[in-house]
Amino acid sequence: MAGTLRKDVITFWGLVFYAIMVISPAGPFAFTGASAMDYAGKTAPLTFLIGGLTLFLAVIAVYVYSGRISNAGGYYKFVEATFNNKYFSKSVGFYYLFVVLSSIIGSSILLGWFTWIGLETMIGYSLPFVYVIAISFITPVIYLVVGYLSLNYSQRIAVTVGLIDLAFYLALSIAIILKSPYNGLQYFNIMNSNDGLHGFFLGMIVGGFVAFSGYGSIVVLAEEAKMPATSIKKAIITSLVIMISYDTFVIYANVAGAGPHLPAALHYFAPGLFVTKNYYGMDVTLAAFFVFLVSALISTVIFGNSAARDLFSLARDGILPPVFAKVHDKYGSPYMAVITVFVIAIIGIGFGLIPLVHYYGENYGMYYLLVINAIVGSTFTLVYHIIINESLPFFMYRLKELKPLVHIAGPTIASGIIGIAMYYSLTGLSYPLSLIYAIIPILVVLSLFIIYIMRNRSIRMDTFTGVKQ
């Protein structure tokens, strides 16, 4: 029999910092910042600002749904409330599960790879590869411990580490701006982008737009949140406002700090650390590097809770074995779902690393596994956002509250932008990255197959027709 998640565990600010940590305050100093700089050059800060503001169009659907539906199933329950079709709705639940699992696997690899490359680049120390592998397994182990405990522990960790990250990188960014001779408004002139408008909008999509997608990680925490009908949607807006402002400022500091040396910064393993080293030396750079590693680890550990809630909900609905819907008597956590996510992560890391490292070597093998997981996760993220956006008009029509401008135009524009993101993410990939052309369809078919073989069981379907805003 399915357990019941403990109510009123996570507060409004707990939700805000949960989302902030999943978005990752350390990201602009490394990968999300570098992605935008690669395509948009010096206008990278503007891509984060415009990309973040554009994302509010995609938030409309999630904002409306979360004010009416408070369920651990999150996104797939939004679709279920609209169409009441088990294949369509439950498959979205699997897509979200694939997103978080790929994030855990990819981010765990990132921790090991980034530590290895960083130490070698900064101080010339080559970490033995066996330790690199061991570091990659640290994240799922810590997740197992944190996820098994009450969600309140994750809330405290998110708030504490989030505040430290924001304070540290904001202070460092201010310090860089004060020393840089390259400050100016040229970084907010779209015509200064690499490759013109094409480069700018591509930088906006792969940088800012994708970077903020972690805002929705709190949707699946609705059953455990205080006053979820209002706190979830307000926390989404609050976290986005904070992170759009923060990321734009930090990216500006990186670009303005590098100035004409931006190409050299991009050749460094993390542009923000290149700028920090130039202005404040290796000691401060190593401190920023350490904060990044802690932030990246905690971000992944926190995000793992979202996978467990989604898996718990699918089991409670009868799509997965009921053992995954068990709730711990003391901690109120879906502990069997947590253990399952941990096992899948360990298997994914191990079985992913073995063939890729064997055929492509230690460095490229880890890199390819990291990128493959990132592409798979981002693709399914974009897919379920499109589904949610285009489901909203039908949901509001059923409730006789349809407003074409808000419920059709805004989300559809967002879907168009997301479609562009998918196009640029998936085209022109060479082997072994082209493996995703097989991996993604296999995962889609797998989700439908699981639903099909469970079709004769009593499958729970929620319409939420009685829910009021």
Protein backbone atom coordinates (compact mmCIF):
# COMPACT_ATOMS: atom_id res chain seq x y z
CA MET A 1 0.00 0.00 0.00
CA ALA A 2 1.28 3.47 -0.91
CA GLY A 3 2.43 5.70 1.90
CA THR A 4 1.57 9.34 2.43
CA LEU A 5 4.17 12.06 2.12
CA ARG A 6 4.47 14.32 5.15
CA LYS A 7 2.72 17.67 4.70
CA ASP A 8 3.95 21.20 5.51
CA VAL A 9 7.64 20.19 5.54
CA ILE A 10 9.14 22.73 3.16
CA THR A 11 8.54 26.48 3.48
CA PHE A 12 8.31 29.20 0.83
CA TRP A 13 11.99 30.18 1.18
CA GLY A 14 12.93 26.53 1.28
CA LEU A 15 11.26 26.14 -2.11
CA VAL A 16 12.98 29.27 -3.45
CA PHE A 17 16.46 28.09 -2.48
CA TYR A 18 15.74 24.53 -3.61
CA ALA A 19 15.07 25.94 -7.10
CA ILE A 20 18.08 28.28 -6.87
CA MET A 21 20.39 25.39 -6.02
CA VAL A 22 19.07 23.27 -8.90
CA ILE A 23 19.64 26.20 -11.28
CA SER A 24 23.11 26.41 -9.64
CA PRO A 25 24.62 29.77 -8.60
CA ALA A 26 28.11 28.51 -9.53
CA GLY A 27 27.08 27.76 -13.12
CA PRO A 28 27.86 31.20 -14.63
CA PHE A 29 31.49 30.88 -13.54
CA ALA A 30 31.87 27.69 -15.54
CA PHE A 31 29.66 25.88 -18.04
CA THR A 32 26.43 27.85 -18.47
CA GLY A 33 28.44 31.05 -18.87
CA ALA A 34 30.87 29.45 -21.31
CA SER A 35 28.02 28.12 -23.48
CA ALA A 36 26.62 31.61 -24.01
CA MET A 37 30.08 33.16 -24.54
CA ASP A 38 30.98 30.55 -27.18
CA TYR A 39 28.13 31.68 -29.45
CA ALA A 40 27.31 35.25 -28.42
CA GLY A 41 30.79 36.41 -27.40
CA LYS A 42 30.83 39.63 -25.40
CA THR A 43 27.03 39.94 -25.48
CA ALA A 44 26.62 36.85 -23.26
CA PRO A 45 25.18 38.94 -20.37
CA LEU A 46 22.41 40.17 -22.65
CA THR A 47 21.58 36.59 -23.70
CA PHE A 48 20.96 35.68 -20.05
CA LEU A 49 18.85 38.77 -19.47
CA ILE A 50 16.67 38.36 -22.56
CA GLY A 51 16.64 34.56 -22.27
CA GLY A 52 15.48 34.81 -18.67
CA LEU A 53 12.76 37.32 -19.47
CA THR A 54 11.61 35.19 -22.40
CA LEU A 55 11.41 32.18 -20.10
CA PHE A 56 8.55 33.84 -18.24
CA LEU A 57 6.40 32.94 -21.25
CA ALA A 58 7.15 29.28 -20.56
CA VAL A 59 6.41 29.78 -16.86
CA ILE A 60 2.80 30.79 -17.55
CA ALA A 61 1.58 27.19 -17.91
CA VAL A 62 3.48 25.89 -14.87
CA TYR A 63 2.32 28.90 -12.82
CA VAL A 64 -1.34 28.32 -13.67
CA TYR A 65 -1.24 24.55 -13.18
CA SER A 66 0.69 24.69 -9.88
CA GLY A 67 -1.92 27.04 -8.44
CA ARG A 68 -4.57 24.38 -9.00
CA ILE A 69 -2.82 21.01 -8.76
CA SER A 70 -0.62 20.05 -5.80
CA ASN A 71 0.73 16.57 -6.43
CA ALA A 72 4.07 14.76 -6.25
CA GLY A 73 3.53 13.77 -9.89
CA GLY A 74 4.14 17.37 -10.88
CA TYR A 75 4.25 17.88 -14.63
CA TYR A 76 2.63 14.62 -15.64
CA LYS A 77 -0.30 15.30 -13.35
CA PHE A 78 -0.84 18.59 -15.17
CA VAL A 79 -1.18 16.66 -18.44
CA GLU A 80 -3.35 14.02 -16.76
CA ALA A 81 -5.74 16.68 -15.50
CA THR A 82 -6.09 17.96 -19.05
CA PHE A 83 -6.42 14.82 -21.19
CA ASN A 84 -7.00 11.93 -18.75
CA ASN A 85 -4.99 9.62 -21.03
CA LYS A 86 -2.66 7.26 -19.19
CA TYR A 87 -0.20 6.78 -22.07
CA PHE A 88 0.20 10.49 -22.70
CA SER A 89 0.29 11.65 -19.09
CA LYS A 90 2.32 8.87 -17.46
CA SER A 91 4.94 9.03 -20.23
CA VAL A 92 5.56 12.66 -19.26
CA GLY A 93 6.24 11.34 -15.75
CA PHE A 94 8.93 9.09 -17.21
CA TYR A 95 10.37 11.96 -19.26
CA TYR A 96 10.82 13.97 -16.07
CA LEU A 97 12.42 10.97 -14.39
CA PHE A 98 14.85 10.64 -17.32
CA VAL A 99 15.73 14.33 -16.94
CA VAL A 100 16.69 14.08 -13.28
CA LEU A 101 18.47 10.73 -13.65
CA SER A 102 20.54 12.03 -16.58
CA SER A 103 21.35 15.12 -14.51
CA ILE A 104 22.53 13.01 -11.56
CA ILE A 105 24.67 10.78 -13.79
CA GLY A 106 26.07 13.66 -15.85
CA SER A 107 26.70 15.95 -12.89
CA SER A 108 28.41 13.14 -10.96
CA ILE A 109 30.76 12.63 -13.90
CA LEU A 110 31.22 16.42 -14.08
CA LEU A 111 32.39 16.54 -10.47
CA GLY A 112 35.16 14.04 -11.13
CA TRP A 113 36.11 15.41 -14.54
CA PHE A 114 36.08 19.06 -13.43
CA THR A 115 38.21 18.27 -10.36
CA TRP A 116 40.70 16.39 -12.51
CA ILE A 117 40.97 19.01 -15.28
CA GLY A 118 40.90 21.91 -12.82
CA LEU A 119 43.76 20.69 -10.64
CA GLU A 120 45.85 19.84 -13.69
CA THR A 121 45.23 23.21 -15.33
CA MET A 122 45.63 25.40 -12.25
CA ILE A 123 48.45 23.78 -10.28
CA GLY A 124 49.79 21.10 -12.62
CA TYR A 125 48.73 18.19 -10.39
CA SER A 126 47.46 15.14 -12.24
CA LEU A 127 44.98 13.34 -10.01
CA PRO A 128 45.20 9.53 -10.36
CA PHE A 129 42.29 8.38 -12.48
CA VAL A 130 41.08 5.92 -9.86
CA TYR A 131 40.40 8.91 -7.59
CA VAL A 132 38.61 10.70 -10.41
CA ILE A 133 36.26 7.72 -10.70
CA ALA A 134 35.82 7.60 -6.93
CA ILE A 135 34.86 11.31 -6.88
CA SER A 136 32.25 10.63 -9.57
CA PHE A 137 30.50 8.17 -7.24
CA ILE A 138 30.49 10.57 -4.27
CA THR A 139 27.42 12.51 -5.44
CA PRO A 140 24.95 9.58 -5.57
CA VAL A 141 26.22 8.29 -2.22
CA ILE A 142 25.62 11.66 -0.54
CA TYR A 143 22.24 11.88 -2.28
CA LEU A 144 21.29 8.49 -0.81
CA VAL A 145 21.93 9.78 2.70
CA VAL A 146 20.29 13.19 2.26
CA GLY A 147 17.34 11.90 0.24
CA TYR A 148 16.61 9.15 2.77
CA LEU A 149 16.19 11.74 5.51
CA SER A 150 13.35 14.21 5.86
CA LEU A 151 12.98 16.83 3.12
CA ASN A 152 13.60 19.39 5.85
CA TYR A 153 17.30 18.44 5.80
CA SER A 154 17.50 19.16 2.07
CA GLN A 155 15.72 22.45 2.70
CA ARG A 156 18.30 23.51 5.29
CA ILE A 157 21.20 22.48 3.06
CA ALA A 158 19.73 24.34 0.06
CA VAL A 159 19.23 27.57 2.02
CA THR A 160 22.67 27.44 3.67
CA VAL A 161 24.72 26.54 0.59
CA GLY A 162 22.59 28.77 -1.64
CA LEU A 163 23.21 31.83 0.51
CA ILE A 164 26.96 31.08 0.67
CA ASP A 165 27.15 30.61 -3.12
CA LEU A 166 25.23 33.78 -3.91
CA ALA A 167 27.25 35.86 -1.44
CA PHE A 168 30.62 34.47 -2.53
CA TYR A 169 30.17 34.81 -6.30
CA LEU A 170 28.44 38.18 -6.02
CA ALA A 171 31.33 39.51 -3.92
CA LEU A 172 33.86 38.06 -6.35
CA SER A 173 31.98 39.52 -9.34
CA ILE A 174 31.89 42.98 -7.73
CA ALA A 175 35.62 42.71 -7.02
CA ILE A 176 36.33 41.79 -10.66
CA ILE A 177 34.24 44.68 -11.98
CA LEU A 178 36.01 47.15 -9.69
CA LYS A 179 39.42 46.07 -11.02
CA SER A 180 38.53 45.62 -14.68
CA PRO A 181 39.45 48.40 -17.15
CA TYR A 182 37.02 46.95 -19.70
CA ASN A 183 33.63 47.88 -18.21
CA GLY A 184 31.01 49.39 -20.49
CA LEU A 185 27.63 49.06 -22.18
CA GLN A 186 29.05 47.35 -25.27
CA TYR A 187 28.18 43.98 -23.69
CA PHE A 188 24.49 44.88 -23.94
CA ASN A 189 24.56 45.79 -27.63
CA ILE A 190 23.10 42.89 -29.57
CA MET A 191 25.04 43.90 -32.70
CA ASN A 192 28.33 43.04 -30.96
CA SER A 193 27.42 39.37 -30.88
CA ASN A 194 29.58 36.77 -32.59
CA ASP A 195 27.92 35.77 -35.88
CA GLY A 196 25.29 38.54 -35.54
CA LEU A 197 21.73 37.72 -34.53
CA HIS A 198 22.21 34.02 -35.23
CA GLY A 199 25.03 33.79 -32.69
CA PHE A 200 23.14 35.89 -30.18
CA PHE A 201 19.95 33.86 -30.21
CA LEU A 202 21.83 30.58 -30.24
CA GLY A 203 23.79 31.79 -27.20
CA MET A 204 20.53 32.79 -25.55
CA ILE A 205 19.05 29.33 -26.08
CA VAL A 206 21.99 27.13 -25.06
CA GLY A 207 23.04 29.50 -22.26
CA GLY A 208 20.43 31.53 -20.44
CA PHE A 209 17.23 29.78 -21.54
CA VAL A 210 18.44 26.30 -20.68
CA ALA A 211 20.26 27.43 -17.52
CA PHE A 212 17.06 28.59 -15.82
CA SER A 213 15.04 25.45 -16.58
CA GLY A 214 15.72 24.12 -13.06
CA TYR A 215 13.03 26.45 -11.70
CA GLY A 216 10.43 23.70 -12.15
CA SER A 217 12.20 21.23 -9.87
CA ILE A 218 9.97 22.29 -6.96
CA VAL A 219 6.69 21.38 -8.67
CA VAL A 220 6.95 17.75 -7.49
CA LEU A 221 7.35 18.92 -3.86
CA ALA A 222 3.80 20.27 -3.74
CA GLU A 223 2.41 17.60 -1.39
CA GLU A 224 5.12 18.42 1.16
CA ALA A 225 5.02 22.22 0.86
CA LYS A 226 3.23 24.66 3.10
CA MET A 227 0.23 26.24 1.30
CA PRO A 228 1.30 24.70 -2.05
CA ALA A 229 -1.43 26.36 -4.13
CA THR A 230 0.27 29.71 -3.56
CA SER A 231 3.81 28.91 -2.37
CA ILE A 232 4.91 26.85 -5.39
CA LYS A 233 4.01 29.40 -8.05
CA LYS A 234 5.32 32.33 -6.01
CA ALA A 235 8.57 30.47 -5.31
CA ILE A 236 9.01 29.83 -9.05
CA ILE A 237 8.71 33.53 -9.84
CA THR A 238 10.91 34.57 -6.91
CA SER A 239 13.70 32.12 -7.75
CA LEU A 240 13.68 33.17 -11.40
CA VAL A 241 13.83 36.89 -10.59
CA ILE A 242 16.76 36.27 -8.25
CA MET A 243 18.67 34.01 -10.63
CA ILE A 244 18.06 36.05 -13.80
CA SER A 245 19.41 39.14 -12.05
CA TYR A 246 22.26 37.24 -10.44
CA ASP A 247 23.35 35.31 -13.56
CA THR A 248 23.23 38.40 -15.77
CA PHE A 249 25.43 40.30 -13.30
CA VAL A 250 27.93 37.46 -12.83
CA ILE A 251 28.21 36.81 -16.58
CA TYR A 252 28.78 40.54 -17.10
CA ALA A 253 31.61 40.45 -14.55
CA ASN A 254 33.23 37.53 -16.38
CA VAL A 255 32.96 39.10 -19.82
CA ALA A 256 33.92 42.62 -18.71
CA GLY A 257 36.75 41.18 -16.65
CA ALA A 258 38.15 39.30 -19.64
CA GLY A 259 37.66 42.17 -22.10
CA PRO A 260 39.79 41.55 -25.23
CA HIS A 261 41.11 38.35 -23.61
CA LEU A 262 37.72 36.61 -23.83
CA PRO A 263 38.99 34.04 -26.41
CA ALA A 264 41.76 33.03 -24.00
CA ALA A 265 39.22 32.77 -21.16
CA LEU A 266 37.11 30.41 -23.26
CA HIS A 267 40.13 28.18 -23.88
CA TYR A 268 40.59 27.89 -20.11
CA PHE A 269 38.51 25.12 -18.50
CA ALA A 270 36.24 27.73 -16.80
CA PRO A 271 36.11 31.39 -18.01
CA GLY A 272 35.20 32.81 -14.59
CA LEU A 273 38.21 31.15 -12.98
CA PHE A 274 40.48 32.49 -15.74
CA VAL A 275 39.35 36.03 -14.95
CA THR A 276 39.68 35.45 -11.20
CA LYS A 277 43.24 34.18 -11.62
CA ASN A 278 44.24 37.21 -13.70
CA TYR A 279 43.00 39.72 -11.14
CA TYR A 280 43.36 38.01 -7.77
CA GLY A 281 45.84 35.20 -8.17
CA MET A 282 45.75 31.47 -7.61
CA ASP A 283 44.69 31.43 -3.94
CA VAL A 284 41.37 33.18 -4.64
CA THR A 285 40.93 31.10 -7.81
CA LEU A 286 41.35 27.86 -5.85
CA ALA A 287 38.78 29.11 -3.32
CA ALA A 288 36.32 29.83 -6.15
CA PHE A 289 37.09 26.39 -7.60
CA PHE A 290 36.36 24.71 -4.25
CA VAL A 291 33.07 26.62 -3.83
CA PHE A 292 32.11 25.52 -7.34
CA LEU A 293 32.73 21.85 -6.54
CA VAL A 294 30.64 22.01 -3.35
CA SER A 295 27.87 23.88 -5.17
CA ALA A 296 27.81 21.41 -8.08
CA LEU A 297 27.63 18.46 -5.68
CA ILE A 298 24.83 19.94 -3.55
CA SER A 299 22.88 21.02 -6.64
CA THR A 300 22.76 17.42 -7.87
CA VAL A 301 22.03 15.97 -4.41
CA ILE A 302 19.09 18.36 -3.97
CA PHE A 303 17.72 17.67 -7.46
CA GLY A 304 17.68 13.94 -6.75
CA ASN A 305 14.76 14.49 -4.34
CA SER A 306 12.64 15.52 -7.31
CA ALA A 307 13.31 12.21 -9.09
CA ALA A 308 12.29 10.26 -5.98
CA ARG A 309 8.96 12.12 -5.72
CA ASP A 310 8.19 11.55 -9.39
CA LEU A 311 9.04 7.85 -9.11
CA PHE A 312 6.98 7.59 -5.91
CA SER A 313 3.98 9.11 -7.67
CA LEU A 314 4.25 6.74 -10.65
CA ALA A 315 4.35 3.79 -8.24
CA ARG A 316 1.41 5.14 -6.28
CA ASP A 317 -0.52 5.38 -9.54
CA GLY A 318 0.16 1.71 -10.31
CA ILE A 319 2.57 2.27 -13.20
CA LEU A 320 5.57 0.98 -11.23
CA PRO A 321 5.75 -1.67 -8.46
CA PRO A 322 4.07 -0.50 -5.24
CA VAL A 323 7.27 -1.02 -3.23
CA PHE A 324 8.54 2.27 -4.69
CA ALA A 325 5.62 4.10 -3.07
CA LYS A 326 6.66 3.24 0.49
CA VAL A 327 7.20 6.19 2.85
CA HIS A 328 9.57 6.11 5.85
CA ASP A 329 7.70 6.17 9.15
CA LYS A 330 10.21 8.46 10.86
CA TYR A 331 11.47 10.74 8.09
CA GLY A 332 8.41 10.88 5.84
CA SER A 333 10.60 10.34 2.76
CA PRO A 334 9.82 8.00 -0.16
CA TYR A 335 12.87 5.99 0.87
CA MET A 336 12.45 3.07 -1.54
CA ALA A 337 12.22 5.51 -4.44
CA VAL A 338 15.34 7.25 -3.12
CA ILE A 339 17.23 3.94 -2.98
CA THR A 340 16.07 3.11 -6.53
CA VAL A 341 17.27 6.45 -7.90
CA PHE A 342 20.64 5.84 -6.18
CA VAL A 343 21.00 2.37 -7.72
CA ILE A 344 20.12 3.60 -11.21
CA ALA A 345 22.62 6.46 -10.87
CA ILE A 346 25.42 4.10 -9.81
CA ILE A 347 24.65 1.73 -12.69
CA GLY A 348 24.44 4.62 -15.16
CA ILE A 349 27.79 6.03 -14.09
CA GLY A 350 29.54 2.65 -14.10
CA PHE A 351 28.14 1.20 -17.31
CA GLY A 352 28.51 4.54 -19.07
CA LEU A 353 32.14 5.05 -18.11
CA ILE A 354 33.40 1.54 -18.91
CA PRO A 355 32.84 1.52 -22.70
CA LEU A 356 33.50 5.23 -23.30
CA VAL A 357 36.73 5.35 -21.30
CA HIS A 358 37.83 2.08 -22.92
CA TYR A 359 37.35 3.38 -26.48
CA TYR A 360 38.07 7.11 -26.07
CA GLY A 361 40.46 7.33 -23.14
CA GLU A 362 40.01 8.80 -19.70
CA ASN A 363 39.52 12.48 -20.61
CA TYR A 364 37.31 12.16 -23.68
CA GLY A 365 35.45 9.14 -22.31
CA MET A 366 34.29 11.11 -19.27
CA TYR A 367 33.57 14.17 -21.39
CA TYR A 368 31.40 12.25 -23.87
CA LEU A 369 29.38 10.60 -21.09
CA LEU A 370 28.84 14.01 -19.49
CA VAL A 371 27.67 15.58 -22.76
CA ILE A 372 25.44 12.64 -23.76
CA ASN A 373 23.61 12.84 -20.43
CA ALA A 374 23.34 16.63 -20.73
CA ILE A 375 21.77 16.38 -24.21
CA VAL A 376 19.35 13.64 -23.20
CA GLY A 377 18.27 15.61 -20.12
CA SER A 378 17.89 18.92 -21.93
CA THR A 379 15.91 17.29 -24.76
CA PHE A 380 13.35 15.69 -22.45
CA THR A 381 13.17 18.95 -20.47
CA LEU A 382 12.27 20.84 -23.62
CA VAL A 383 9.80 18.14 -24.72
CA TYR A 384 7.76 18.13 -21.51
CA HIS A 385 7.75 21.94 -21.42
CA ILE A 386 6.22 22.00 -24.91
CA ILE A 387 3.62 19.42 -23.84
CA ILE A 388 2.71 21.43 -20.73
CA ASN A 389 2.53 24.69 -22.70
CA GLU A 390 0.23 23.25 -25.35
CA SER A 391 -1.93 21.41 -22.79
CA LEU A 392 -2.81 24.59 -20.89
CA PRO A 393 -5.40 25.98 -23.37
CA PHE A 394 -7.35 22.69 -23.27
CA PHE A 395 -7.26 22.64 -19.46
CA MET A 396 -8.49 26.22 -19.15
CA TYR A 397 -11.15 25.63 -21.81
CA ARG A 398 -12.50 22.71 -19.77
CA LEU A 399 -12.72 25.05 -16.78
CA LYS A 400 -14.35 27.72 -18.96
CA GLU A 401 -11.62 30.20 -18.01
CA LEU A 402 -9.66 30.35 -21.27
CA LYS A 403 -7.90 33.65 -22.00
CA PRO A 404 -6.34 33.38 -25.50
CA LEU A 405 -3.59 35.94 -24.97
CA VAL A 406 -2.40 34.45 -21.67
CA HIS A 407 -3.17 30.78 -22.11
CA ILE A 408 -2.50 30.34 -25.85
CA ALA A 409 -0.25 33.09 -27.24
CA GLY A 410 2.36 33.28 -24.46
CA PRO A 411 2.93 29.53 -24.00
CA THR A 412 2.93 28.94 -27.78
CA ILE A 413 5.63 31.57 -28.31
CA ALA A 414 7.64 29.83 -25.58
CA SER A 415 7.13 26.48 -27.32
CA GLY A 416 8.47 27.98 -30.54
CA ILE A 417 11.61 29.17 -28.77
CA ILE A 418 11.97 25.77 -27.13
CA GLY A 419 11.62 24.14 -30.55
CA ILE A 420 14.56 26.22 -31.79
CA ALA A 421 16.55 25.11 -28.75
CA MET A 422 15.82 21.47 -29.55
CA TYR A 423 16.86 21.94 -33.18
CA TYR A 424 20.23 23.42 -32.31
CA SER A 425 20.78 20.86 -29.55
CA LEU A 426 20.19 17.81 -31.74
CA THR A 427 21.46 18.62 -35.23
CA GLY A 428 24.89 17.82 -36.61
CA LEU A 429 26.09 15.56 -33.81
CA SER A 430 28.95 13.18 -34.62
CA TYR A 431 29.70 9.81 -33.04
CA PRO A 432 29.60 8.99 -30.12
CA LEU A 433 27.31 11.96 -29.32
CA SER A 434 25.05 10.81 -32.15
CA LEU A 435 24.14 7.85 -29.93
CA ILE A 436 21.41 10.08 -28.53
CA TYR A 437 19.52 9.62 -31.82
CA ALA A 438 18.97 6.06 -30.63
CA ILE A 439 18.92 6.64 -26.85
CA ILE A 440 16.05 9.15 -26.86
CA PRO A 441 13.63 7.03 -28.99
CA ILE A 442 14.53 3.96 -26.91
CA LEU A 443 13.63 5.78 -23.69
CA VAL A 444 10.34 7.01 -25.19
CA VAL A 445 9.43 3.47 -26.29
CA LEU A 446 10.50 2.09 -22.91
CA SER A 447 8.15 4.44 -21.07
CA LEU A 448 5.23 3.48 -23.31
CA PHE A 449 6.08 -0.23 -22.99
CA ILE A 450 6.05 -0.06 -19.18
CA ILE A 451 2.67 1.67 -19.23
CA TYR A 452 1.38 -0.94 -21.70
CA ILE A 453 2.43 -3.99 -19.66
CA MET A 454 0.86 -2.44 -16.55
CA ARG A 455 -2.38 -1.60 -18.38
CA ASN A 456 -4.44 -4.37 -16.72
CA ARG A 457 -3.62 -3.18 -13.24
CA SER A 458 -5.72 -0.64 -11.42
CA ILE A 459 -4.10 2.57 -12.64
CA ARG A 460 -4.91 5.74 -10.75
CA MET A 461 -5.96 8.69 -12.90
CA ASP A 462 -6.53 12.14 -11.40
CA THR A 463 -8.61 14.78 -13.17
CA PHE A 464 -8.50 17.46 -10.45
CA THR A 465 -11.79 18.87 -11.73
CA GLY A 466 -12.78 19.93 -8.24
CA VAL A 467 -9.61 21.88 -7.53
CA LYS A 468 -10.06 25.62 -7.15
CA GLN A 469 -7.46 28.35 -7.37
